[in-house]
């Protein structure tokens, strides 16, 4: 069975780029445009991994991550923060909250593939 990704970003363009890269690498993908939609998707089907934006309306990435990690099975998915917020405070907060990896925007297939390899998903 293919591994599944949930792509969480309020930008349709970013979701499309990530979907193309991940599907090209052989993964199934689902999408959400904010943290609240993403939590609903996780209740229906917990993904193997999450590509997560920081700044979104309704519920931001950090709040989603806190709630995901508290859900039954929510400690399982690998979470890749993908954001323009690249200062040490944001990176530290993301990792302390439970993120597995941090990807700076803009990203491309090579960057995403190398991060997947680091987490054993490539």
PDB file of N, CA and C in Angstrom:
ATOM      1  N   UNK A   1       0.841  -1.191   0.000  1.00  0.00           N
ATOM      2  CA  UNK A   1       0.000   0.000   0.000  1.00  0.00           C
ATOM      3  C   UNK A   1       0.884   1.251   0.000  1.00  0.00           C
ATOM      4  N   UNK A   2       0.493   2.232  -0.798  1.00  0.00           N
ATOM      5  CA  UNK A   2       1.254   3.486  -0.864  1.00  0.00           C
ATOM      6  C   UNK A   2       1.156   4.239   0.447  1.00  0.00           C
ATOM      7  N   UNK A   3       2.222   4.910   0.802  1.00  0.00           N
ATOM      8  CA  UNK A   3       2.191   5.795   1.969  1.00  0.00           C
ATOM      9  C   UNK A   3       1.397   7.044   1.603  1.00  0.00           C
ATOM     10  N   UNK A   4       0.696   7.594   2.591  1.00  0.00           N
ATOM     11  CA  UNK A   4      -0.161   8.752   2.329  1.00  0.00           C
ATOM     12  C   UNK A   4       0.377  10.014   2.997  1.00  0.00           C
ATOM     13  N   UNK A   5       0.216  11.114   2.283  1.00  0.00           N
ATOM     14  CA  UNK A   5       0.616  12.434   2.763  1.00  0.00           C
ATOM     15  C   UNK A   5      -0.601  13.329   2.851  1.00  0.00           C
ATOM     16  N   UNK A   6      -0.644  14.154   3.890  1.00  0.00           N
ATOM     17  CA  UNK A   6      -1.615  15.230   3.988  1.00  0.00           C
ATOM     18  C   UNK A   6      -0.844  16.529   3.806  1.00  0.00           C
ATOM     19  N   UNK A   7      -1.214  17.285   2.781  1.00  0.00           N
ATOM     20  CA  UNK A   7      -0.553  18.555   2.478  1.00  0.00           C
ATOM     21  C   UNK A   7      -1.447  19.665   3.039  1.00  0.00           C
ATOM     22  N   UNK A   8      -0.923  20.422   4.005  1.00  0.00           N
ATOM     23  CA  UNK A   8      -1.709  21.441   4.695  1.00  0.00           C
ATOM     24  C   UNK A   8      -1.093  22.810   4.429  1.00  0.00           C
ATOM     25  N   UNK A   9      -1.753  23.601   3.587  1.00  0.00           N
ATOM     26  CA  UNK A   9      -1.255  24.932   3.232  1.00  0.00           C
ATOM     27  C   UNK A   9      -2.422  25.741   2.701  1.00  0.00           C
ATOM     28  N   UNK A  10      -2.490  27.024   3.061  1.00  0.00           N
ATOM     29  CA  UNK A  10      -3.583  27.857   2.564  1.00  0.00           C
ATOM     30  C   UNK A  10      -3.358  28.313   1.119  1.00  0.00           C
ATOM     31  N   UNK A  11      -2.194  28.031   0.560  1.00  0.00           N
ATOM     32  CA  UNK A  11      -1.898  28.384  -0.829  1.00  0.00           C
ATOM     33  C   UNK A  11      -2.176  27.194  -1.751  1.00  0.00           C
ATOM     34  N   UNK A  12      -3.124  27.377  -2.669  1.00  0.00           N
ATOM     35  CA  UNK A  12      -3.438  26.325  -3.648  1.00  0.00           C
ATOM     36  C   UNK A  12      -2.205  26.006  -4.497  1.00  0.00           C
ATOM     37  N   UNK A  13      -1.402  27.029  -4.815  1.00  0.00           N
ATOM     38  CA  UNK A  13      -0.198  26.836  -5.633  1.00  0.00           C
ATOM     39  C   UNK A  13       0.799  25.924  -4.906  1.00  0.00           C
ATOM     40  N   UNK A  14       1.066  26.206  -3.648  1.00  0.00           N
ATOM     41  CA  UNK A  14       2.009  25.382  -2.866  1.00  0.00           C
ATOM     42  C   UNK A  14       1.481  23.952  -2.753  1.00  0.00           C
ATOM     43  N   UNK A  15       0.172  23.804  -2.479  1.00  0.00           N
ATOM     44  CA  UNK A  15      -0.399  22.451  -2.397  1.00  0.00           C
ATOM     45  C   UNK A  15      -0.204  21.708  -3.716  1.00  0.00           C
ATOM     46  N   UNK A  16      -0.403  22.412  -4.832  1.00  0.00           N
ATOM     47  CA  UNK A  16      -0.245  21.786  -6.143  1.00  0.00           C
ATOM     48  C   UNK A  16       1.179  21.353  -6.424  1.00  0.00           C
ATOM     49  N   UNK A  17       2.145  22.207  -6.074  1.00  0.00           N
ATOM     50  CA  UNK A  17       3.566  21.874  -6.266  1.00  0.00           C
ATOM     51  C   UNK A  17       3.921  20.655  -5.414  1.00  0.00           C
ATOM     52  N   UNK A  18       3.540  20.684  -4.141  1.00  0.00           N
ATOM     53  CA  UNK A  18       3.860  19.570  -3.237  1.00  0.00           C
ATOM     54  C   UNK A  18       3.182  18.285  -3.711  1.00  0.00           C
ATOM     55  N   UNK A  19       1.918  18.383  -4.124  1.00  0.00           N
ATOM     56  CA  UNK A  19       1.194  17.205  -4.613  1.00  0.00           C
ATOM     57  C   UNK A  19       1.927  16.584  -5.810  1.00  0.00           C
ATOM     58  N   UNK A  20       2.338  17.426  -6.760  1.00  0.00           N
ATOM     59  CA  UNK A  20       3.045  16.930  -7.939  1.00  0.00           C
ATOM     60  C   UNK A  20       4.331  16.213  -7.580  1.00  0.00           C
ATOM     61  N   UNK A  21       5.099  16.801  -6.664  1.00  0.00           N
ATOM     62  CA  UNK A  21       6.363  16.184  -6.247  1.00  0.00           C
ATOM     63  C   UNK A  21       6.103  14.858  -5.533  1.00  0.00           C
ATOM     64  N   UNK A  22       5.190  14.862  -4.560  1.00  0.00           N
ATOM     65  CA  UNK A  22       4.945  13.663  -3.753  1.00  0.00           C
ATOM     66  C   UNK A  22       4.318  12.544  -4.567  1.00  0.00           C
ATOM     67  N   UNK A  23       3.368  12.881  -5.442  1.00  0.00           N
ATOM     68  CA  UNK A  23       2.774  11.847  -6.290  1.00  0.00           C
ATOM     69  C   UNK A  23       3.813  11.291  -7.258  1.00  0.00           C
ATOM     70  N   UNK A  24       4.708  12.154  -7.736  1.00  0.00           N
ATOM     71  CA  UNK A  24       5.793  11.714  -8.604  1.00  0.00           C
ATOM     72  C   UNK A  24       6.746  10.753  -7.912  1.00  0.00           C
ATOM     73  N   UNK A  25       6.815  10.851  -6.584  1.00  0.00           N
ATOM     74  CA  UNK A  25       7.661   9.948  -5.793  1.00  0.00           C
ATOM     75  C   UNK A  25       6.893   8.688  -5.363  1.00  0.00           C
ATOM     76  N   UNK A  26       5.645   8.578  -5.797  1.00  0.00           N
ATOM     77  CA  UNK A  26       4.865   7.374  -5.528  1.00  0.00           C
ATOM     78  C   UNK A  26       3.979   7.405  -4.302  1.00  0.00           C
ATOM     79  N   UNK A  27       3.705   8.589  -3.755  1.00  0.00           N
ATOM     80  CA  UNK A  27       2.856   8.695  -2.572  1.00  0.00           C
ATOM     81  C   UNK A  27       1.422   9.065  -2.943  1.00  0.00           C
ATOM     82  N   UNK A  28       0.469   8.674  -2.107  1.00  0.00           N
ATOM     83  CA  UNK A  28      -0.897   9.184  -2.193  1.00  0.00           C
ATOM     84  C   UNK A  28      -0.919  10.524  -1.472  1.00  0.00           C
ATOM     85  N   UNK A  29      -1.765  11.443  -1.929  1.00  0.00           N
ATOM     86  CA  UNK A  29      -1.847  12.740  -1.254  1.00  0.00           C
ATOM     87  C   UNK A  29      -3.292  13.137  -0.998  1.00  0.00           C
ATOM     88  N   UNK A  30      -3.482  13.866   0.074  1.00  0.00           N
ATOM     89  CA  UNK A  30      -4.740  14.516   0.388  1.00  0.00           C
ATOM     90  C   UNK A  30      -4.363  15.941   0.761  1.00  0.00           C
ATOM     91  N   UNK A  31      -5.323  16.869   0.716  1.00  0.00           N
ATOM     92  CA  UNK A  31      -5.009  18.272   0.964  1.00  0.00           C
ATOM     93  C   UNK A  31      -5.990  18.906   1.941  1.00  0.00           C
ATOM     94  N   UNK A  32      -5.501  19.910   2.648  1.00  0.00           N
ATOM     95  CA  UNK A  32      -6.330  20.742   3.520  1.00  0.00           C
ATOM     96  C   UNK A  32      -5.768  22.159   3.446  1.00  0.00           C
ATOM     97  N   UNK A  33      -6.660  23.162   3.541  1.00  0.00           N
ATOM     98  CA  UNK A  33      -6.179  24.541   3.422  1.00  0.00           C
ATOM     99  C   UNK A  33      -6.009  25.248   4.753  1.00  0.00           C
ATOM    100  N   UNK A  34      -6.297  24.559   5.864  1.00  0.00           N
ATOM    101  CA  UNK A  34      -6.003  25.110   7.190  1.00  0.00           C
ATOM    102  C   UNK A  34      -5.956  23.972   8.199  1.00  0.00           C
ATOM    103  N   UNK A  35      -5.531  24.289   9.411  1.00  0.00           N
ATOM    104  CA  UNK A  35      -5.373  23.265  10.431  1.00  0.00           C
ATOM    105  C   UNK A  35      -6.658  22.571  10.827  1.00  0.00           C
ATOM    106  N   UNK A  36      -7.771  23.297  10.808  1.00  0.00           N
ATOM    107  CA  UNK A  36      -9.053  22.703  11.183  1.00  0.00           C
ATOM    108  C   UNK A  36      -9.469  21.637  10.164  1.00  0.00           C
ATOM    109  N   UNK A  37      -9.342  21.957   8.878  1.00  0.00           N
ATOM    110  CA  UNK A  37      -9.631  20.962   7.838  1.00  0.00           C
ATOM    111  C   UNK A  37      -8.680  19.772   7.957  1.00  0.00           C
ATOM    112  N   UNK A  38      -7.428  20.056   8.278  1.00  0.00           N
ATOM    113  CA  UNK A  38      -6.426  18.995   8.398  1.00  0.00           C
ATOM    114  C   UNK A  38      -6.769  18.042   9.546  1.00  0.00           C
ATOM    115  N   UNK A  39      -7.216  18.577  10.682  1.00  0.00           N
ATOM    116  CA  UNK A  39      -7.601  17.706  11.800  1.00  0.00           C
ATOM    117  C   UNK A  39      -8.777  16.819  11.405  1.00  0.00           C
ATOM    118  N   UNK A  40      -9.752  17.390  10.702  1.00  0.00           N
ATOM    119  CA  UNK A  40     -10.900  16.598  10.241  1.00  0.00           C
ATOM    120  C   UNK A  40     -10.434  15.467   9.314  1.00  0.00           C
ATOM    121  N   UNK A  41      -9.480  15.759   8.439  1.00  0.00           N
ATOM    122  CA  UNK A  41      -8.935  14.737   7.537  1.00  0.00           C
ATOM    123  C   UNK A  41      -8.232  13.637   8.324  1.00  0.00           C
ATOM    124  N   UNK A  42      -7.518  14.011   9.398  1.00  0.00           N
ATOM    125  CA  UNK A  42      -6.791  13.035  10.213  1.00  0.00           C
ATOM    126  C   UNK A  42      -7.744  12.138  11.004  1.00  0.00           C
ATOM    127  N   UNK A  43      -8.902  12.682  11.378  1.00  0.00           N
ATOM    128  CA  UNK A  43      -9.906  11.871  12.073  1.00  0.00           C
ATOM    129  C   UNK A  43     -10.430  10.798  11.119  1.00  0.00           C
ATOM    130  N   UNK A  44     -10.663  11.176   9.856  1.00  0.00           N
ATOM    131  CA  UNK A  44     -11.151  10.221   8.855  1.00  0.00           C
ATOM    132  C   UNK A  44     -10.108   9.168   8.527  1.00  0.00           C
ATOM    133  N   UNK A  45      -8.871   9.618   8.322  1.00  0.00           N
ATOM    134  CA  UNK A  45      -7.778   8.705   7.938  1.00  0.00           C
ATOM    135  C   UNK A  45      -6.455   9.356   8.334  1.00  0.00           C
ATOM    136  N   UNK A  46      -5.777   8.721   9.276  1.00  0.00           N
ATOM    137  CA  UNK A  46      -4.495   9.260   9.729  1.00  0.00           C
ATOM    138  C   UNK A  46      -3.450   9.045   8.629  1.00  0.00           C
ATOM    139  N   UNK A  47      -2.815  10.127   8.166  1.00  0.00           N
ATOM    140  CA  UNK A  47      -1.800   9.976   7.119  1.00  0.00           C
ATOM    141  C   UNK A  47      -0.496   9.423   7.693  1.00  0.00           C
ATOM    142  N   UNK A  48       0.380   8.973   6.789  1.00  0.00           N
ATOM    143  CA  UNK A  48       1.707   8.530   7.206  1.00  0.00           C
ATOM    144  C   UNK A  48       2.618   9.727   7.460  1.00  0.00           C
ATOM    145  N   UNK A  49       2.340  10.839   6.742  1.00  0.00           N
ATOM    146  CA  UNK A  49       3.171  12.036   6.876  1.00  0.00           C
ATOM    147  C   UNK A  49       2.344  13.278   6.552  1.00  0.00           C
ATOM    148  N   UNK A  50       2.784  14.410   7.105  1.00  0.00           N
ATOM    149  CA  UNK A  50       2.093  15.688   6.911  1.00  0.00           C
ATOM    150  C   UNK A  50       3.118  16.737   6.488  1.00  0.00           C
ATOM    151  N   UNK A  51       2.804  17.454   5.403  1.00  0.00           N
ATOM    152  CA  UNK A  51       3.581  18.625   4.993  1.00  0.00           C
ATOM    153  C   UNK A  51       2.771  19.820   5.463  1.00  0.00           C
ATOM    154  N   UNK A  52       3.312  20.602   6.393  1.00  0.00           N
ATOM    155  CA  UNK A  52       2.528  21.561   7.161  1.00  0.00           C
ATOM    156  C   UNK A  52       3.049  22.985   7.052  1.00  0.00           C
ATOM    157  N   UNK A  53       2.170  23.888   6.649  1.00  0.00           N
ATOM    158  CA  UNK A  53       2.477  25.319   6.627  1.00  0.00           C
ATOM    159  C   UNK A  53       2.318  25.882   8.041  1.00  0.00           C
ATOM    160  N   UNK A  54       2.980  26.987   8.318  1.00  0.00           N
ATOM    161  CA  UNK A  54       2.889  27.619   9.632  1.00  0.00           C
ATOM    162  C   UNK A  54       1.722  28.616   9.684  1.00  0.00           C
ATOM    163  N   UNK A  55       1.745  29.593   8.780  1.00  0.00           N
ATOM    164  CA  UNK A  55       0.777  30.692   8.806  1.00  0.00           C
ATOM    165  C   UNK A  55      -0.432  30.371   7.934  1.00  0.00           C
ATOM    166  N   UNK A  56      -1.566  30.075   8.595  1.00  0.00           N
ATOM    167  CA  UNK A  56      -2.810  29.789   7.899  1.00  0.00           C
ATOM    168  C   UNK A  56      -3.959  30.398   8.684  1.00  0.00           C
ATOM    169  N   UNK A  57      -5.044  30.725   7.981  1.00  0.00           N
ATOM    170  CA  UNK A  57      -6.237  31.202   8.693  1.00  0.00           C
ATOM    171  C   UNK A  57      -6.906  30.045   9.443  1.00  0.00           C
ATOM    172  N   UNK A  58      -7.851  30.347  10.293  1.00  0.00           N
ATOM    173  CA  UNK A  58      -8.675  29.410  11.062  1.00  0.00           C
ATOM    174  C   UNK A  58      -7.857  28.711  12.150  1.00  0.00           C
ATOM    175  N   UNK A  59      -6.839  27.921  11.758  1.00  0.00           N
ATOM    176  CA  UNK A  59      -5.957  27.274  12.724  1.00  0.00           C
ATOM    177  C   UNK A  59      -4.566  27.178  12.105  1.00  0.00           C
ATOM    178  N   UNK A  60      -3.566  27.735  12.804  1.00  0.00           N
ATOM    179  CA  UNK A  60      -2.206  27.718  12.240  1.00  0.00           C
ATOM    180  C   UNK A  60      -1.534  26.355  12.427  1.00  0.00           C
ATOM    181  N   UNK A  61      -0.351  26.230  11.852  1.00  0.00           N
ATOM    182  CA  UNK A  61       0.359  24.957  11.863  1.00  0.00           C
ATOM    183  C   UNK A  61       0.734  24.454  13.241  1.00  0.00           C
ATOM    184  N   UNK A  62       1.189  25.346  14.112  1.00  0.00           N
ATOM    185  CA  UNK A  62       1.592  24.925  15.464  1.00  0.00           C
ATOM    186  C   UNK A  62       0.385  24.400  16.244  1.00  0.00           C
ATOM    187  N   UNK A  63      -0.737  25.089  16.156  1.00  0.00           N
ATOM    188  CA  UNK A  63      -1.936  24.642  16.875  1.00  0.00           C
ATOM    189  C   UNK A  63      -2.412  23.294  16.324  1.00  0.00           C
ATOM    190  N   UNK A  64      -2.378  23.136  14.999  1.00  0.00           N
ATOM    191  CA  UNK A  64      -2.726  21.841  14.400  1.00  0.00           C
ATOM    192  C   UNK A  64      -1.804  20.750  14.936  1.00  0.00           C
ATOM    193  N   UNK A  65      -0.503  21.018  14.960  1.00  0.00           N
ATOM    194  CA  UNK A  65       0.472  20.023  15.396  1.00  0.00           C
ATOM    195  C   UNK A  65       0.224  19.616  16.850  1.00  0.00           C
ATOM    196  N   UNK A  66      -0.052  20.583  17.716  1.00  0.00           N
ATOM    197  CA  UNK A  66      -0.356  20.263  19.120  1.00  0.00           C
ATOM    198  C   UNK A  66      -1.553  19.316  19.208  1.00  0.00           C
ATOM    199  N   UNK A  67      -2.617  19.644  18.462  1.00  0.00           N
ATOM    200  CA  UNK A  67      -3.836  18.833  18.522  1.00  0.00           C
ATOM    201  C   UNK A  67      -3.633  17.470  17.861  1.00  0.00           C
ATOM    202  N   UNK A  68      -2.878  17.434  16.767  1.00  0.00           N
ATOM    203  CA  UNK A  68      -2.582  16.156  16.108  1.00  0.00           C
ATOM    204  C   UNK A  68      -1.865  15.227  17.070  1.00  0.00           C
ATOM    205  N   UNK A  69      -0.807  15.714  17.713  1.00  0.00           N
ATOM    206  CA  UNK A  69       0.000  14.869  18.600  1.00  0.00           C
ATOM    207  C   UNK A  69      -0.805  14.371  19.801  1.00  0.00           C
ATOM    208  N   UNK A  70      -1.895  15.064  20.160  1.00  0.00           N
ATOM    209  CA  UNK A  70      -2.733  14.647  21.282  1.00  0.00           C
ATOM    210  C   UNK A  70      -3.813  13.639  20.868  1.00  0.00           C
ATOM    211  N   UNK A  71      -4.032  13.456  19.563  1.00  0.00           N
ATOM    212  CA  UNK A  71      -5.064  12.540  19.057  1.00  0.00           C
ATOM    213  C   UNK A  71      -4.609  11.084  19.177  1.00  0.00           C
ATOM    214  N   UNK A  72      -5.573  10.145  19.250  1.00  0.00           N
ATOM    215  CA  UNK A  72      -5.198   8.729  19.159  1.00  0.00           C
ATOM    216  C   UNK A  72      -4.504   8.473  17.814  1.00  0.00           C
ATOM    217  N   UNK A  73      -3.308   7.913  17.849  1.00  0.00           N
ATOM    218  CA  UNK A  73      -2.554   7.659  16.623  1.00  0.00           C
ATOM    219  C   UNK A  73      -1.833   8.878  16.082  1.00  0.00           C
ATOM    220  N   UNK A  74      -2.003  10.026  16.728  1.00  0.00           N
ATOM    221  CA  UNK A  74      -1.455  11.280  16.231  1.00  0.00           C
ATOM    222  C   UNK A  74       0.042  11.460  16.413  1.00  0.00           C
ATOM    223  N   UNK A  75       0.666  10.536  17.141  1.00  0.00           N
ATOM    224  CA  UNK A  75       2.125  10.609  17.289  1.00  0.00           C
ATOM    225  C   UNK A  75       2.826   9.888  16.145  1.00  0.00           C
ATOM    226  N   UNK A  76       2.071   9.131  15.345  1.00  0.00           N
ATOM    227  CA  UNK A  76       2.651   8.312  14.279  1.00  0.00           C
ATOM    228  C   UNK A  76       3.118   9.082  13.044  1.00  0.00           C
ATOM    229  N   UNK A  77       2.296  10.001  12.493  1.00  0.00           N
ATOM    230  CA  UNK A  77       2.730  10.631  11.233  1.00  0.00           C
ATOM    231  C   UNK A  77       4.019  11.446  11.394  1.00  0.00           C
ATOM    232  N   UNK A  78       4.867  11.366  10.384  1.00  0.00           N
ATOM    233  CA  UNK A  78       6.026  12.256  10.320  1.00  0.00           C
ATOM    234  C   UNK A  78       5.485  13.626   9.900  1.00  0.00           C
ATOM    235  N   UNK A  79       5.896  14.670  10.602  1.00  0.00           N
ATOM    236  CA  UNK A  79       5.419  16.020  10.283  1.00  0.00           C
ATOM    237  C   UNK A  79       6.587  16.868   9.799  1.00  0.00           C
ATOM    238  N   UNK A  80       6.419  17.407   8.595  1.00  0.00           N
ATOM    239  CA  UNK A  80       7.417  18.248   7.946  1.00  0.00           C
ATOM    240  C   UNK A  80       6.861  19.667   7.895  1.00  0.00           C
ATOM    241  N   UNK A  81       7.364  20.563   8.754  1.00  0.00           N
ATOM    242  CA  UNK A  81       6.967  21.970   8.653  1.00  0.00           C
ATOM    243  C   UNK A  81       7.578  22.535   7.377  1.00  0.00           C
ATOM    244  N   UNK A  82       6.782  23.238   6.599  1.00  0.00           N
ATOM    245  CA  UNK A  82       7.246  23.822   5.344  1.00  0.00           C
ATOM    246  C   UNK A  82       6.787  25.278   5.338  1.00  0.00           C
ATOM    247  N   UNK A  83       7.714  26.197   5.602  1.00  0.00           N
ATOM    248  CA  UNK A  83       7.305  27.570   5.868  1.00  0.00           C
ATOM    249  C   UNK A  83       8.399  28.571   5.520  1.00  0.00           C
ATOM    250  N   UNK A  84       8.009  29.828   5.431  1.00  0.00           N
ATOM    251  CA  UNK A  84       8.975  30.915   5.264  1.00  0.00           C
ATOM    252  C   UNK A  84       9.524  31.358   6.620  1.00  0.00           C
ATOM    253  N   UNK A  85       8.896  30.881   7.713  1.00  0.00           N
ATOM    254  CA  UNK A  85       9.334  31.245   9.069  1.00  0.00           C
ATOM    255  C   UNK A  85      10.586  30.441   9.405  1.00  0.00           C
ATOM    256  N   UNK A  86      11.764  30.998   9.099  1.00  0.00           N
ATOM    257  CA  UNK A  86      12.976  30.192   9.208  1.00  0.00           C
ATOM    258  C   UNK A  86      13.962  30.672  10.265  1.00  0.00           C
ATOM    259  N   UNK A  87      13.500  31.486  11.212  1.00  0.00           N
ATOM    260  CA  UNK A  87      14.414  31.888  12.287  1.00  0.00           C
ATOM    261  C   UNK A  87      14.474  30.772  13.336  1.00  0.00           C
ATOM    262  N   UNK A  88      15.501  30.812  14.169  1.00  0.00           N
ATOM    263  CA  UNK A  88      15.717  29.731  15.144  1.00  0.00           C
ATOM    264  C   UNK A  88      14.552  29.566  16.118  1.00  0.00           C
ATOM    265  N   UNK A  89      13.887  30.656  16.504  1.00  0.00           N
ATOM    266  CA  UNK A  89      12.749  30.543  17.421  1.00  0.00           C
ATOM    267  C   UNK A  89      11.643  29.688  16.830  1.00  0.00           C
ATOM    268  N   UNK A  90      11.316  29.920  15.549  1.00  0.00           N
ATOM    269  CA  UNK A  90      10.266  29.139  14.899  1.00  0.00           C
ATOM    270  C   UNK A  90      10.696  27.677  14.745  1.00  0.00           C
ATOM    271  N   UNK A  91      11.929  27.464  14.323  1.00  0.00           N
ATOM    272  CA  UNK A  91      12.420  26.095  14.126  1.00  0.00           C
ATOM    273  C   UNK A  91      12.392  25.336  15.454  1.00  0.00           C
ATOM    274  N   UNK A  92      12.892  25.964  16.507  1.00  0.00           N
ATOM    275  CA  UNK A  92      12.902  25.341  17.834  1.00  0.00           C
ATOM    276  C   UNK A  92      11.489  25.039  18.304  1.00  0.00           C
ATOM    277  N   UNK A  93      10.572  26.006  18.150  1.00  0.00           N
ATOM    278  CA  UNK A  93       9.187  25.796  18.575  1.00  0.00           C
ATOM    279  C   UNK A  93       8.552  24.631  17.807  1.00  0.00           C
ATOM    280  N   UNK A  94       8.789  24.558  16.504  1.00  0.00           N
ATOM    281  CA  UNK A  94       8.229  23.479  15.687  1.00  0.00           C
ATOM    282  C   UNK A  94       8.737  22.116  16.170  1.00  0.00           C
ATOM    283  N   UNK A  95      10.040  22.001  16.382  1.00  0.00           N
ATOM    284  CA  UNK A  95      10.620  20.725  16.799  1.00  0.00           C
ATOM    285  C   UNK A  95      10.173  20.345  18.210  1.00  0.00           C
ATOM    286  N   UNK A  96      10.095  21.325  19.106  1.00  0.00           N
ATOM    287  CA  UNK A  96       9.641  21.048  20.473  1.00  0.00           C
ATOM    288  C   UNK A  96       8.177  20.638  20.517  1.00  0.00           C
ATOM    289  N   UNK A  97       7.389  21.136  19.570  1.00  0.00           N
ATOM    290  CA  UNK A  97       5.962  20.809  19.523  1.00  0.00           C
ATOM    291  C   UNK A  97       5.737  19.430  18.908  1.00  0.00           C
ATOM    292  N   UNK A  98       6.741  18.900  18.223  1.00  0.00           N
ATOM    293  CA  UNK A  98       6.614  17.544  17.702  1.00  0.00           C
ATOM    294  C   UNK A  98       6.877  17.376  16.219  1.00  0.00           C
ATOM    295  N   UNK A  99       7.354  18.426  15.538  1.00  0.00           N
ATOM    296  CA  UNK A  99       7.694  18.281  14.122  1.00  0.00           C
ATOM    297  C   UNK A  99       8.938  17.396  13.986  1.00  0.00           C
ATOM    298  N   UNK A 100       9.000  16.666  12.877  1.00  0.00           N
ATOM    299  CA  UNK A 100      10.143  15.788  12.622  1.00  0.00           C
ATOM    300  C   UNK A 100      11.184  16.455  11.736  1.00  0.00           C
ATOM    301  N   UNK A 101      10.748  17.410  10.924  1.00  0.00           N
ATOM    302  CA  UNK A 101      11.640  18.013   9.936  1.00  0.00           C
ATOM    303  C   UNK A 101      11.164  19.421   9.628  1.00  0.00           C
ATOM    304  N   UNK A 102      12.071  20.244   9.107  1.00  0.00           N
ATOM    305  CA  UNK A 102      11.765  21.648   8.802  1.00  0.00           C
ATOM    306  C   UNK A 102      12.254  21.934   7.385  1.00  0.00           C
ATOM    307  N   UNK A 103      11.371  22.391   6.527  1.00  0.00           N
ATOM    308  CA  UNK A 103      11.706  22.698   5.132  1.00  0.00           C
ATOM    309  C   UNK A 103      11.409  24.179   4.883  1.00  0.00           C
ATOM    310  N   UNK A 104      12.375  24.877   4.316  1.00  0.00           N
ATOM    311  CA  UNK A 104      12.186  26.297   4.002  1.00  0.00           C
ATOM    312  C   UNK A 104      11.484  26.456   2.651  1.00  0.00           C
ATOM    313  N   UNK A 105      10.560  27.401   2.586  1.00  0.00           N
ATOM    314  CA  UNK A 105       9.982  27.772   1.292  1.00  0.00           C
ATOM    315  C   UNK A 105      10.890  28.820   0.669  1.00  0.00           C
ATOM    316  N   UNK A 106      11.072  28.851  -0.620  1.00  0.00           N
ATOM    317  CA  UNK A 106      10.534  27.882  -1.580  1.00  0.00           C
ATOM    318  C   UNK A 106      11.336  26.590  -1.552  1.00  0.00           C
ATOM    319  N   UNK A 107      10.689  25.484  -1.951  1.00  0.00           N
ATOM    320  CA  UNK A 107      11.350  24.183  -1.988  1.00  0.00           C
ATOM    321  C   UNK A 107      11.156  23.585  -3.378  1.00  0.00           C
ATOM    322  N   UNK A 108      11.919  22.533  -3.663  1.00  0.00           N
ATOM    323  CA  UNK A 108      11.764  21.837  -4.938  1.00  0.00           C
ATOM    324  C   UNK A 108      11.843  20.333  -4.682  1.00  0.00           C
ATOM    325  N   UNK A 109      11.762  19.548  -5.739  1.00  0.00           N
ATOM    326  CA  UNK A 109      11.754  18.088  -5.599  1.00  0.00           C
ATOM    327  C   UNK A 109      13.023  17.574  -4.929  1.00  0.00           C
ATOM    328  N   UNK A 110      14.162  18.164  -5.263  1.00  0.00           N
ATOM    329  CA  UNK A 110      15.438  17.716  -4.690  1.00  0.00           C
ATOM    330  C   UNK A 110      15.471  17.943  -3.179  1.00  0.00           C
ATOM    331  N   UNK A 111      15.037  19.117  -2.735  1.00  0.00           N
ATOM    332  CA  UNK A 111      15.015  19.436  -1.295  1.00  0.00           C
ATOM    333  C   UNK A 111      14.060  18.489  -0.568  1.00  0.00           C
ATOM    334  N   UNK A 112      12.849  18.337  -1.120  1.00  0.00           N
ATOM    335  CA  UNK A 112      11.853  17.482  -0.476  1.00  0.00           C
ATOM    336  C   UNK A 112      12.339  16.032  -0.425  1.00  0.00           C
ATOM    337  N   UNK A 113      12.911  15.541  -1.506  1.00  0.00           N
ATOM    338  CA  UNK A 113      13.426  14.159  -1.546  1.00  0.00           C
ATOM    339  C   UNK A 113      14.506  13.938  -0.501  1.00  0.00           C
ATOM    340  N   UNK A 114      15.404  14.906  -0.331  1.00  0.00           N
ATOM    341  CA  UNK A 114      16.486  14.736   0.650  1.00  0.00           C
ATOM    342  C   UNK A 114      15.931  14.706   2.073  1.00  0.00           C
ATOM    343  N   UNK A 115      14.905  15.514   2.364  1.00  0.00           N
ATOM    344  CA  UNK A 115      14.284  15.509   3.695  1.00  0.00           C
ATOM    345  C   UNK A 115      13.551  14.184   3.938  1.00  0.00           C
ATOM    346  N   UNK A 116      12.898  13.648   2.891  1.00  0.00           N
ATOM    347  CA  UNK A 116      12.216  12.358   3.020  1.00  0.00           C
ATOM    348  C   UNK A 116      13.228  11.257   3.334  1.00  0.00           C
ATOM    349  N   UNK A 117      14.373  11.306   2.662  1.00  0.00           N
ATOM    350  CA  UNK A 117      15.416  10.301   2.884  1.00  0.00           C
ATOM    351  C   UNK A 117      15.913  10.354   4.335  1.00  0.00           C
ATOM    352  N   UNK A 118      16.072  11.572   4.865  1.00  0.00           N
ATOM    353  CA  UNK A 118      16.515  11.722   6.266  1.00  0.00           C
ATOM    354  C   UNK A 118      15.544  11.079   7.243  1.00  0.00           C
ATOM    355  N   UNK A 119      14.253  11.080   6.890  1.00  0.00           N
ATOM    356  CA  UNK A 119      13.225  10.524   7.770  1.00  0.00           C
ATOM    357  C   UNK A 119      12.826   9.095   7.397  1.00  0.00           C
ATOM    358  N   UNK A 120      13.570   8.494   6.451  1.00  0.00           N
ATOM    359  CA  UNK A 120      13.306   7.109   6.077  1.00  0.00           C
ATOM    360  C   UNK A 120      12.072   6.912   5.226  1.00  0.00           C
ATOM    361  N   UNK A 121      11.623   7.943   4.534  1.00  0.00           N
ATOM    362  CA  UNK A 121      10.407   7.842   3.720  1.00  0.00           C
ATOM    363  C   UNK A 121      10.699   7.783   2.210  1.00  0.00           C
ATOM    364  N   UNK A 122      11.947   7.933   1.813  1.00  0.00           N
ATOM    365  CA  UNK A 122      12.245   7.963   0.374  1.00  0.00           C
ATOM    366  C   UNK A 122      12.489   6.562  -0.154  1.00  0.00           C
TER     367      UNK A 122
END
